[in-house]
N, C-alpha and C. Protein backbone atom coordinates (compact mmCIF):
# COMPACT_ATOMS: atom_id res chain seq x y z
N MET A 1 14.78 18.17 -6.00
CA MET A 1 15.49 16.70 -5.74
C MET A 1 13.45 15.77 -6.16
N SER A 2 14.09 14.87 -6.83
CA SER A 2 12.77 14.13 -7.33
C SER A 2 11.85 13.75 -6.52
N TRP A 3 10.77 13.22 -6.80
CA TRP A 3 9.65 12.42 -5.95
C TRP A 3 9.98 11.75 -5.06
N ASP A 4 10.90 10.86 -6.18
CA ASP A 4 11.19 9.21 -5.28
C ASP A 4 12.07 9.01 -4.99
N SER A 5 13.78 10.21 -5.13
CA SER A 5 14.67 10.52 -4.31
C SER A 5 14.27 10.99 -2.80
N GLN A 6 12.85 11.90 -2.83
CA GLN A 6 12.60 12.16 -1.51
C GLN A 6 12.28 11.22 -0.58
N PHE A 7 11.07 10.12 -1.26
CA PHE A 7 10.49 9.15 -0.82
C PHE A 7 11.76 8.54 -0.32
N LEU A 8 12.64 8.33 -1.20
CA LEU A 8 13.76 7.03 -0.66
C LEU A 8 14.35 8.01 0.66
N LYS A 9 14.46 8.65 0.47
CA LYS A 9 15.51 9.50 1.24
C LYS A 9 14.57 9.67 2.94
N LEU A 10 13.47 9.40 3.15
CA LEU A 10 12.48 9.72 3.78
C LEU A 10 12.46 7.88 4.18
N PHE A 11 12.05 7.16 3.74
CA PHE A 11 12.13 5.42 4.44
C PHE A 11 13.77 5.79 4.79
N ARG A 12 14.71 5.74 4.25
CA ARG A 12 16.23 5.37 4.74
C ARG A 12 16.58 6.26 6.26
N HIS A 13 15.45 7.15 6.23
CA HIS A 13 15.74 8.20 7.32
C HIS A 13 14.90 7.83 8.57
N GLY A 14 13.80 7.31 8.33
CA GLY A 14 12.59 6.54 9.02
C GLY A 14 13.54 5.07 9.40
N LEU A 15 13.97 4.42 8.87
CA LEU A 15 14.86 3.41 9.14
C LEU A 15 15.86 3.49 9.95
N SER A 16 16.86 4.23 9.69
CA SER A 16 17.90 4.74 10.71
C SER A 16 17.39 4.86 11.63
N LEU A 17 16.11 5.73 12.11
CA LEU A 17 15.75 5.99 13.68
C LEU A 17 15.19 4.97 14.00
N TYR A 18 14.26 4.22 13.18
CA TYR A 18 13.46 3.00 14.28
C TYR A 18 14.88 2.19 14.07
N GLN A 19 15.54 1.75 13.13
CA GLN A 19 16.50 0.79 14.21
C GLN A 19 17.46 1.43 15.25
N GLU A 20 17.84 2.51 15.59
CA GLU A 20 18.03 3.16 16.66
C GLU A 20 16.75 3.42 17.72
N GLY A 21 15.61 2.55 17.71
CA GLY A 21 14.65 2.14 18.96
C GLY A 21 14.03 3.89 19.04
N ASN A 22 13.75 4.76 18.23
CA ASN A 22 12.48 5.23 17.63
C ASN A 22 11.70 4.51 17.08
N HIS A 23 10.50 4.66 17.76
CA HIS A 23 9.27 4.46 17.50
C HIS A 23 7.97 4.94 16.92
N ASP A 24 8.85 6.05 17.49
CA ASP A 24 7.71 7.63 17.81
C ASP A 24 7.59 8.50 16.02
N PHE A 25 6.79 7.73 14.78
CA PHE A 25 7.02 8.13 13.88
C PHE A 25 6.83 8.96 13.26
N MET A 26 6.22 9.91 14.59
CA MET A 26 5.33 11.35 13.96
C MET A 26 7.13 12.24 14.04
N SER A 27 7.85 11.73 14.47
CA SER A 27 8.99 12.54 15.03
C SER A 27 9.72 12.56 13.55
N TYR A 28 9.85 11.56 12.97
CA TYR A 28 10.53 11.07 12.17
C TYR A 28 10.51 12.36 11.11
N TYR A 29 9.02 12.99 10.75
CA TYR A 29 9.13 14.77 10.17
C TYR A 29 9.31 15.45 10.31
N ASP A 30 9.38 16.27 9.60
CA ASP A 30 8.96 18.10 9.80
C ASP A 30 8.03 18.37 8.92
N ALA A 31 7.87 19.79 8.89
CA ALA A 31 6.54 19.99 8.44
C ALA A 31 6.71 20.13 7.03
N GLU A 32 7.86 19.67 6.19
CA GLU A 32 8.57 20.12 4.67
C GLU A 32 8.24 18.25 4.35
N ASP A 33 8.62 17.96 5.02
CA ASP A 33 7.97 15.81 4.89
C ASP A 33 6.82 15.54 4.90
N LEU A 34 6.24 16.22 5.96
CA LEU A 34 4.40 15.98 5.63
C LEU A 34 4.00 16.42 4.55
N SER A 35 4.42 17.83 4.56
CA SER A 35 3.71 18.41 2.76
C SER A 35 4.23 17.22 2.02
N PHE A 36 5.61 17.40 1.48
CA PHE A 36 5.98 16.45 0.23
C PHE A 36 4.58 14.82 0.29
N LEU A 37 4.77 14.17 1.67
CA LEU A 37 3.80 12.71 1.61
C LEU A 37 2.54 13.15 1.40
N THR A 38 1.90 14.76 1.77
CA THR A 38 0.53 14.77 1.31
C THR A 38 0.30 14.63 -0.12
N SER A 39 1.54 15.37 -0.78
CA SER A 39 1.72 15.37 -2.36
C SER A 39 1.79 14.50 -3.17
N ILE A 40 2.50 13.20 -2.18
CA ILE A 40 1.91 12.63 -3.06
C ILE A 40 0.87 11.10 -2.34
N GLY A 41 -0.12 11.63 -1.68
CA GLY A 41 -1.20 10.56 -1.16
C GLY A 41 -0.93 9.79 -0.38
N TYR A 42 0.08 10.66 0.65
CA TYR A 42 0.69 9.21 1.89
C TYR A 42 0.33 9.84 3.29
N LYS A 43 0.21 8.93 3.85
CA LYS A 43 -0.25 9.24 5.27
C LYS A 43 1.19 9.31 6.10
N PRO A 44 1.97 9.68 7.31
CA PRO A 44 3.21 9.56 7.68
C PRO A 44 3.36 8.04 8.35
N ARG A 45 1.74 7.38 8.76
CA ARG A 45 1.68 6.01 8.89
C ARG A 45 2.21 4.74 8.05
N GLU A 46 1.53 5.10 6.72
CA GLU A 46 1.71 4.04 5.73
C GLU A 46 3.55 4.16 5.15
N LEU A 47 4.22 5.04 5.69
CA LEU A 47 5.60 5.00 5.21
C LEU A 47 6.10 4.47 6.65
N PHE A 48 5.82 4.66 7.66
CA PHE A 48 6.06 3.92 8.85
C PHE A 48 6.05 2.61 8.86
N ASP A 49 4.51 2.15 8.73
CA ASP A 49 4.37 1.05 8.49
C ASP A 49 5.38 0.00 7.58
N PHE A 50 5.37 0.23 6.47
CA PHE A 50 6.79 -0.25 5.39
C PHE A 50 8.17 -0.10 6.17
N VAL A 51 8.71 1.22 6.58
CA VAL A 51 9.84 1.22 6.92
C VAL A 51 9.70 -0.46 8.61
N GLU A 52 9.22 0.01 9.08
CA GLU A 52 9.05 -0.88 10.17
C GLU A 52 8.97 -2.94 9.42
N ASP A 53 8.15 -2.80 8.67
CA ASP A 53 7.69 -4.00 8.20
C ASP A 53 9.56 -4.44 7.46
N PHE A 54 9.99 -3.67 6.72
CA PHE A 54 11.30 -4.00 6.12
C PHE A 54 12.53 -3.88 7.69
N ALA A 55 12.30 -3.16 8.66
CA ALA A 55 13.43 -3.42 9.57
C ALA A 55 13.23 -4.57 10.26
N ASP A 56 11.68 -5.08 10.26
CA ASP A 56 11.90 -6.56 11.68
C ASP A 56 12.16 -7.74 10.12
N GLY A 57 11.42 -7.54 9.30
CA GLY A 57 11.96 -8.66 8.69
C GLY A 57 12.06 -8.78 7.59
N GLY A 58 12.88 -7.43 6.76
CA GLY A 58 13.24 -7.31 5.13
C GLY A 58 12.12 -7.30 4.07
N ASP A 59 10.71 -7.25 4.47
CA ASP A 59 9.88 -7.16 3.51
C ASP A 59 8.69 -6.33 3.64
N PRO A 60 8.45 -5.46 3.47
CA PRO A 60 8.72 -5.12 1.66
C PRO A 60 9.51 -4.21 1.65
N THR A 61 10.54 -4.47 0.68
CA THR A 61 11.73 -4.13 0.56
C THR A 61 11.73 -2.09 0.29
N GLU A 62 12.61 -1.45 0.47
CA GLU A 62 12.07 0.16 0.12
C GLU A 62 11.89 0.40 -1.52
N SER A 63 12.40 -0.76 -2.69
CA SER A 63 12.05 -0.68 -3.94
C SER A 63 10.32 -0.89 -3.54
N ALA A 64 10.03 -1.87 -3.08
CA ALA A 64 8.48 -2.32 -3.13
C ALA A 64 7.81 -1.27 -2.69
N ALA A 65 8.06 -0.36 -1.56
CA ALA A 65 7.73 0.66 -1.03
C ALA A 65 7.38 1.79 -2.14
N LEU A 66 8.58 2.49 -2.77
CA LEU A 66 8.34 3.16 -4.10
C LEU A 66 7.68 2.87 -5.07
N LEU A 67 7.48 1.67 -5.31
CA LEU A 67 6.22 1.13 -6.36
C LEU A 67 5.45 0.71 -5.99
N ILE A 68 4.95 1.09 -4.86
CA ILE A 68 3.29 0.76 -4.03
C ILE A 68 2.95 2.29 -4.17
N ALA A 69 4.34 3.31 -3.50
CA ALA A 69 3.79 4.68 -3.39
C ALA A 69 3.40 5.32 -5.03
N ALA A 70 4.49 5.28 -5.95
CA ALA A 70 4.33 5.43 -7.22
C ALA A 70 2.50 5.37 -7.93
N VAL A 71 1.78 4.21 -7.41
CA VAL A 71 1.22 3.75 -7.66
C VAL A 71 0.06 4.44 -7.18
N ARG A 72 0.18 5.29 -5.93
CA ARG A 72 -0.87 5.77 -5.04
C ARG A 72 -0.40 7.13 -5.46
N ARG A 73 0.58 7.48 -6.02
CA ARG A 73 1.02 8.90 -6.24
C ARG A 73 0.25 8.99 -7.79
N ASP A 74 0.42 8.08 -8.98
CA ASP A 74 -0.20 8.60 -10.18
C ASP A 74 -1.61 7.97 -10.31
N TYR A 75 -2.47 7.69 -8.98
CA TYR A 75 -3.89 7.53 -8.62
C TYR A 75 -4.48 8.81 -8.48
N LEU A 76 -3.35 9.61 -7.59
CA LEU A 76 -3.87 10.92 -7.16
C LEU A 76 -4.04 11.89 -8.12
N GLY A 77 -3.13 11.70 -9.23
CA GLY A 77 -2.79 12.66 -10.20
C GLY A 77 -4.05 12.08 -10.74
N ALA A 78 -4.05 11.45 -11.42
CA ALA A 78 -4.63 11.13 -12.90
C ALA A 78 -5.99 10.46 -12.44
N ILE A 79 -6.60 10.53 -11.67
CA ILE A 79 -7.85 10.26 -11.09
C ILE A 79 -9.11 11.06 -10.21
N GLN A 80 -7.71 11.11 -9.22
CA GLN A 80 -8.36 11.90 -8.06
C GLN A 80 -8.00 13.52 -8.50
N HIS A 81 -7.15 13.90 -8.97
CA HIS A 81 -7.16 15.12 -10.00
C HIS A 81 -6.23 15.64 -8.76
N GLY A 82 -5.46 15.18 -7.93
CA GLY A 82 -4.59 15.98 -6.81
C GLY A 82 -5.47 16.31 -5.50
N VAL A 83 -7.09 15.58 -5.64
CA VAL A 83 -7.37 16.21 -4.44
C VAL A 83 -7.63 14.77 -3.87
N LEU A 84 -7.28 14.94 -2.08
CA LEU A 84 -7.30 14.06 -1.10
C LEU A 84 -8.99 13.30 -1.17
N SER A 85 -8.64 12.33 -0.78
CA SER A 85 -10.25 12.06 -0.33
C SER A 85 -10.17 12.13 1.19
N ASP A 86 -11.74 12.34 1.87
CA ASP A 86 -11.68 12.69 3.21
C ASP A 86 -12.44 11.66 3.83
N ARG A 87 -12.52 10.73 3.19
CA ARG A 87 -13.42 9.20 3.58
C ARG A 87 -12.37 8.66 4.38
N GLU A 88 -12.89 7.44 5.40
CA GLU A 88 -11.18 6.66 5.86
C GLU A 88 -11.89 5.42 5.97
N ILE A 89 -11.09 4.00 5.32
CA ILE A 89 -11.51 2.68 5.58
C ILE A 89 -10.91 2.33 6.62
N GLY A 90 -12.18 1.31 7.48
CA GLY A 90 -11.44 0.79 8.51
C GLY A 90 -11.61 -0.51 8.61
N ARG A 91 -11.10 -1.67 9.52
CA ARG A 91 -11.08 -2.90 9.63
C ARG A 91 -12.83 -3.12 9.45
N ASN A 92 -13.45 -2.71 9.98
CA ASN A 92 -14.73 -3.14 9.93
C ASN A 92 -15.31 -2.78 8.76
N ASP A 93 -15.15 -1.90 7.41
CA ASP A 93 -15.39 -1.97 6.23
C ASP A 93 -14.35 -2.69 5.11
N VAL A 94 -14.01 -3.77 5.31
CA VAL A 94 -13.36 -4.77 4.54
C VAL A 94 -13.80 -6.02 4.58
N PRO A 95 -14.10 -6.71 4.19
CA PRO A 95 -14.58 -7.98 3.53
C PRO A 95 -13.62 -8.88 4.83
N SER A 96 -13.98 -10.39 5.18
CA SER A 96 -13.01 -10.50 6.65
C SER A 96 -11.81 -11.47 5.33
N PHE A 97 -11.11 -12.32 6.24
CA PHE A 97 -10.02 -12.99 5.79
C PHE A 97 -10.52 -14.03 5.61
N ASP A 98 -12.12 -14.54 5.78
CA ASP A 98 -12.45 -15.97 5.25
C ASP A 98 -13.50 -15.35 3.63
N ASP A 99 -14.03 -14.39 3.95
CA ASP A 99 -14.83 -14.23 2.33
C ASP A 99 -13.92 -14.15 1.03
N GLN A 100 -14.80 -14.83 0.22
CA GLN A 100 -13.77 -15.47 -1.01
C GLN A 100 -14.42 -14.86 -2.02
N LEU A 101 -13.63 -14.42 -3.04
CA LEU A 101 -14.37 -14.21 -4.71
C LEU A 101 -13.57 -15.90 -5.76
N ASN A 102 -14.82 -16.17 -6.25
CA ASN A 102 -14.01 -17.35 -7.05
C ASN A 102 -13.38 -18.15 -6.61
N GLY A 103 -13.89 -18.41 -5.18
CA GLY A 103 -13.36 -19.84 -4.64
C GLY A 103 -12.36 -19.14 -4.11
N ILE A 104 -11.63 -17.79 -4.25
CA ILE A 104 -10.43 -17.69 -4.12
C ILE A 104 -10.33 -16.84 -2.25
N PRO A 105 -10.10 -17.36 -1.80
CA PRO A 105 -10.07 -16.64 -0.11
C PRO A 105 -9.34 -15.47 0.18
N TYR A 106 -9.70 -14.50 0.53
CA TYR A 106 -9.25 -13.69 1.23
C TYR A 106 -9.11 -12.18 0.10
N LEU A 107 -8.91 -12.76 -1.35
CA LEU A 107 -9.57 -11.79 -2.47
C LEU A 107 -10.45 -10.67 -2.45
N PRO A 108 -11.82 -11.20 -1.61
CA PRO A 108 -11.98 -9.89 -1.66
C PRO A 108 -11.60 -8.42 -0.49
N ARG A 109 -10.72 -9.56 0.37
CA ARG A 109 -10.26 -8.37 1.45
C ARG A 109 -8.99 -7.45 0.66
N ILE A 110 -8.19 -8.64 -0.35
CA ILE A 110 -7.35 -7.62 -0.09
C ILE A 110 -7.76 -6.64 -1.64
N ILE A 111 -8.38 -6.89 -2.10
CA ILE A 111 -8.96 -5.85 -3.34
C ILE A 111 -9.47 -4.74 -2.71
N ALA A 112 -10.59 -4.56 -1.46
CA ALA A 112 -10.88 -3.70 -0.86
C ALA A 112 -9.76 -2.70 -0.45
N LYS A 113 -9.10 -3.14 0.40
CA LYS A 113 -7.82 -2.63 0.96
C LYS A 113 -6.71 -2.05 -0.06
N ALA A 114 -6.89 -2.61 -1.36
CA ALA A 114 -5.85 -1.91 -2.54
C ALA A 114 -6.59 -0.38 -2.89
N GLN A 115 -8.29 -0.70 -2.74
CA GLN A 115 -8.98 0.24 -3.69
C GLN A 115 -9.32 1.41 -2.16
N ALA A 116 -8.93 0.81 -1.50
CA ALA A 116 -8.63 1.70 -0.50
C ALA A 116 -7.50 2.72 -0.63
N LYS A 117 -6.38 1.84 -0.56
CA LYS A 117 -5.06 2.59 -0.91
C LYS A 117 -4.61 3.65 -2.20
N LEU A 118 -5.86 2.95 -3.05
CA LEU A 118 -5.49 4.12 -4.54
C LEU A 118 -6.11 5.31 -3.78
N ARG A 119 -6.79 5.31 -3.16
CA ARG A 119 -8.18 6.81 -3.11
C ARG A 119 -7.26 7.29 -1.97
N GLY A 120 -6.20 6.30 -0.97
CA GLY A 120 -6.14 7.20 0.09
C GLY A 120 -7.26 7.37 1.22
N GLU A 121 -7.64 5.94 1.26
CA GLU A 121 -8.36 6.62 2.27
C GLU A 121 -8.37 4.91 3.71
N LEU A 122 -7.18 4.14 3.79
CA LEU A 122 -7.36 3.52 4.78
C LEU A 122 -6.67 4.28 5.98
N ASP A 123 -7.57 3.32 6.77
CA ASP A 123 -7.17 3.79 8.21
C ASP A 123 -5.97 3.52 8.35
N PRO A 124 -5.56 4.57 9.37
CA PRO A 124 -3.49 4.26 9.73
C PRO A 124 -3.52 3.11 10.32
N ASP A 125 -4.80 2.53 10.51
CA ASP A 125 -4.61 1.23 11.96
C ASP A 125 -4.44 -0.15 10.55
N MET A 126 -4.18 0.55 9.53
CA MET A 126 -4.90 -0.49 8.58
C MET A 126 -3.04 -0.03 7.56
N MET A 127 -3.39 -1.68 6.86
CA MET A 127 -1.87 -1.19 6.21
C MET A 127 -2.34 -2.23 4.59
N TYR A 128 -2.35 -1.50 3.19
CA TYR A 128 -1.73 -2.32 2.35
C TYR A 128 0.16 -2.60 1.65
N GLY A 129 -0.33 -4.36 1.91
CA GLY A 129 0.84 -4.64 1.82
C GLY A 129 1.56 -5.26 3.34
N CYS A 130 0.33 -5.37 4.28
CA CYS A 130 0.71 -6.26 5.29
C CYS A 130 1.08 -7.66 5.13
N GLY A 131 1.81 -8.20 6.32
CA GLY A 131 2.38 -9.57 6.72
C GLY A 131 0.68 -10.62 5.53
N ALA A 132 -0.17 -10.42 5.53
CA ALA A 132 -1.00 -10.91 5.14
C ALA A 132 -1.53 -10.66 3.72
N ASP A 133 -1.50 -10.10 3.45
CA ASP A 133 -1.18 -9.41 1.99
C ASP A 133 -0.16 -9.76 1.18
N ARG A 134 0.78 -9.32 1.85
CA ARG A 134 2.51 -10.25 1.28
C ARG A 134 2.26 -11.97 0.93
N ARG A 135 1.58 -12.50 1.64
CA ARG A 135 1.64 -13.76 1.69
C ARG A 135 0.42 -14.48 1.03
N PHE A 136 -0.53 -13.58 0.85
CA PHE A 136 -1.76 -13.58 -0.42
C PHE A 136 -0.88 -13.94 -1.71
N LEU A 137 -0.37 -12.65 -1.85
CA LEU A 137 0.19 -12.55 -3.14
C LEU A 137 1.29 -13.49 -3.84
N ARG A 138 2.13 -13.94 -2.64
CA ARG A 138 3.08 -14.65 -2.96
C ARG A 138 2.83 -16.28 -3.38
N GLU A 139 1.60 -16.46 -2.69
CA GLU A 139 0.68 -17.92 -2.95
C GLU A 139 0.17 -17.82 -4.00
N ASN A 140 -0.49 -16.80 -4.33
CA ASN A 140 -1.12 -16.37 -5.48
C ASN A 140 -0.41 -16.24 -6.64
N GLY A 141 0.77 -16.87 -7.58
CA GLY A 141 1.99 -16.47 -8.04
C GLY A 141 2.65 -15.32 -8.14
N ASP A 142 3.09 -15.26 -6.33
CA ASP A 142 4.06 -14.54 -6.29
C ASP A 142 3.95 -13.16 -6.98
N ILE A 143 3.07 -12.65 -6.92
CA ILE A 143 2.29 -11.03 -7.28
C ILE A 143 2.76 -9.93 -6.66
N HIS A 144 3.69 -8.80 -7.09
CA HIS A 144 3.68 -7.84 -6.53
C HIS A 144 2.95 -6.77 -6.31
N PRO A 145 3.02 -6.21 -5.42
CA PRO A 145 1.97 -5.67 -4.42
C PRO A 145 1.78 -4.31 -5.36
N ALA A 146 2.35 -3.97 -5.91
CA ALA A 146 2.38 -2.66 -6.75
C ALA A 146 1.87 -2.90 -8.31
N ASP A 147 1.86 -4.41 -8.68
CA ASP A 147 1.45 -4.91 -9.60
C ASP A 147 0.11 -4.89 -9.64
N PHE A 148 -0.32 -5.57 -8.35
CA PHE A 148 -1.79 -6.34 -7.97
C PHE A 148 -2.55 -4.53 -7.84
N LEU A 149 -1.66 -3.88 -7.38
CA LEU A 149 -2.42 -2.19 -7.50
C LEU A 149 -3.35 -1.73 -8.18
N ARG A 150 -1.92 -1.84 -9.34
CA ARG A 150 -2.61 -1.45 -10.46
C ARG A 150 -3.68 -2.31 -11.33
N GLN A 151 -3.60 -3.07 -11.30
CA GLN A 151 -4.49 -4.17 -11.75
C GLN A 151 -6.01 -4.05 -11.09
N VAL A 152 -6.04 -3.99 -10.11
CA VAL A 152 -7.11 -3.55 -9.43
C VAL A 152 -8.08 -1.96 -9.70
N TRP A 153 -6.81 -0.77 -10.50
CA TRP A 153 -7.09 0.13 -10.77
C TRP A 153 -7.58 -0.38 -12.03
N ALA A 154 -7.01 -0.64 -12.82
CA ALA A 154 -7.23 -1.57 -13.93
C ALA A 154 -8.86 -1.84 -14.46
N ALA A 155 -8.69 -2.25 -13.48
CA ALA A 155 -10.37 -3.20 -12.96
C ALA A 155 -11.50 -2.62 -13.08
N GLY A 156 -11.30 -1.61 -12.15
CA GLY A 156 -12.43 -0.64 -11.69
C GLY A 156 -13.46 -1.63 -11.11
N ASP A 157 -14.63 -1.56 -11.39
CA ASP A 157 -15.25 -2.21 -10.82
C ASP A 157 -15.75 -3.83 -11.05
N ASP A 158 -15.27 -3.61 -12.05
CA ASP A 158 -14.87 -5.60 -12.33
C ASP A 158 -14.18 -6.02 -11.71
N LEU A 159 -14.40 -6.10 -10.50
CA LEU A 159 -13.85 -7.41 -9.55
C LEU A 159 -13.53 -8.65 -10.29
N GLU A 160 -14.36 -9.56 -11.49
CA GLU A 160 -13.93 -10.29 -11.93
C GLU A 160 -12.40 -10.22 -12.60
N LYS A 161 -12.09 -8.97 -13.41
CA LYS A 161 -11.00 -8.90 -13.82
C LYS A 161 -10.04 -9.83 -12.67
N VAL A 162 -10.06 -9.20 -11.45
CA VAL A 162 -9.07 -9.12 -10.74
C VAL A 162 -8.96 -10.36 -10.40
N ALA A 163 -10.13 -11.59 -9.86
CA ALA A 163 -10.05 -12.52 -9.92
C ALA A 163 -9.11 -13.24 -10.76
N ASN A 164 -9.59 -13.06 -12.10
CA ASN A 164 -8.81 -13.67 -13.69
C ASN A 164 -7.43 -13.26 -13.43
N PHE A 165 -6.85 -12.33 -13.19
CA PHE A 165 -5.52 -12.06 -13.09
C PHE A 165 -4.87 -12.69 -12.12
N VAL A 166 -5.38 -13.31 -10.65
CA VAL A 166 -4.99 -13.59 -9.68
C VAL A 166 -4.92 -15.47 -10.32
N LYS A 167 -6.09 -15.54 -10.87
CA LYS A 167 -5.73 -17.10 -11.07
C LYS A 167 -5.12 -17.52 -12.14
N ASP A 168 -4.74 -16.12 -13.66
CA ASP A 168 -3.74 -16.68 -14.24
C ASP A 168 -2.17 -16.26 -13.92
N SER A 169 -2.25 -15.60 -12.77
CA SER A 169 -0.88 -15.63 -12.50
C SER A 169 -0.61 -16.92 -11.32
N THR A 170 -1.34 -17.54 -10.68
CA THR A 170 -1.18 -18.75 -9.94
C THR A 170 -0.60 -19.62 -11.06
N ALA A 171 -1.72 -19.87 -11.99
CA ALA A 171 -1.50 -21.10 -13.00
C ALA A 171 -0.16 -20.82 -13.91
N SER A 172 0.91 -19.60 -13.46
CA SER A 172 1.89 -19.42 -14.58
C SER A 172 2.59 -19.73 -13.85
């Protein structure tokens, strides 16, 4: 089974369990599933967060969750050479909701979350692609969360590139 099929299988299985009332996401996975998630740079809670948000509001879709996972998986292979980070970024390690970059509120926060998502360093209690992230991306040019991740990856340390991408997206 290819990795994307395995990911969607886990997403759908988790969705079914969640809709049945099981919110104990660790019960969704067996040892093979956990090994698979690790191999693509995913933590069990990350997949659950996408399942939960989809079940409760229809967004992000399973295809969006898959595309975001693809960016993380690619980054793990291409940049981290398959080596997982042992660092964890929590709520106090990212800019506040009100911080701005080039006059764009929230941009520093979502960039920091995207960078941590790429490296697999987000604390399990934080989600890249949460409701606030999705609202920001919708209001700033309807940017797909996976596209934003790729832009952050491509920009490296040049945050002005990300700000320009957002401004260009908003203008079009």
